[in-house]
């Protein structure tokens, strides 16, 4: 997750490639753009990696630019700004949408600013078409406004607005007059449901969903502590085994799903990332888990997901398998035999709630 960590891996790649006679000039190192909506340092980590590859190794880099804005509104604004920054930090090959006007405006503007466009001729030639494309965008309606992060007058409002400290304080205050279970059912769950629906309809975005989940979690901790002291037990709705499949090291999406499911009172067994199918199957069988959530971000790891599902069908036919990740689609899910395709974290919660 850090530039130093990525540069250490790049060093290993260069040395291994050299032993096979592959020169640095023939290698593109992916600096990795993770999403800033869940990893605030992701932008700086990518830029630091670009700097290091250029300065330490005189190497070349590639970057999937738009992943930086996943889960945010008006993504092209972030993408274009980040693209310009990445170019200024030495990015050699960008994976972008060439039909995106904001991205192409950033590209031509950068070339002019960096002295790569003699007499700004290329920019001047493109200016009329870029101006025409920008005109309708200026008049377009803006995305729904995010909820205010000011004070809130109820626990559910704290959850909706992602006020972690406020949620814990409200939970403690409400325990003086209400039972923990009543508070959960009347305030916490409705608050989470409201944010979940707003997320699905584009009124709320990934950072807000995460903040709400954390706020609910802080309130849950207060309530769970009280219930433990009073001998109360909150019954779990079911057990879910989560894992990123073998060969895939991405787990941000899976971690978001975990937080939400825990807030909805599911017991979550998180096996982490790059998990062998046999390990997943063993956990499902051992816990007799009703659900298994599998994540894959790369096309190359879908076969591992398919193999995991195949083994689950044989060893745990009762288990419902949910799949998700950037590379997944409904068609993919159907093809590999999954029970449900979950396009985002709330879809996973909703499937579990319905089944």
Foldseek 3Di string as FASTA:
>chain_A
DALVVLVVVVVVVQVVCVVVVHHQAPDARELDQAACLQPVCRLVRSLSNLLCCCPVPVHAYEYAQQNHHAFHFPSLVVSLVSLLSSVVSHHDYYDDDPVDLSNVLSVLVSCVVVVNCVVSVVVVVCVVVSVVVVVVVVVDDGFADQDDLDDDDALLVCLQNLPQVNNQVRLVVCVVPDALVCCLVVRLVVSLVVNLVCCVVRNHTSSSNQSSLNSLVSSVVNNVVVCVVVVHDDDAPFEEEEEEFAPAQDCSQVVSLVSVNVSVRHHYHYPHYNDQLVVSLVVCLVRVGQEYEYEYADPVCLVRVLVSVVVCCVRRVNHAYEYEYNVDDPVSCVVSPHNYYQDGSSSVVVVSVVD
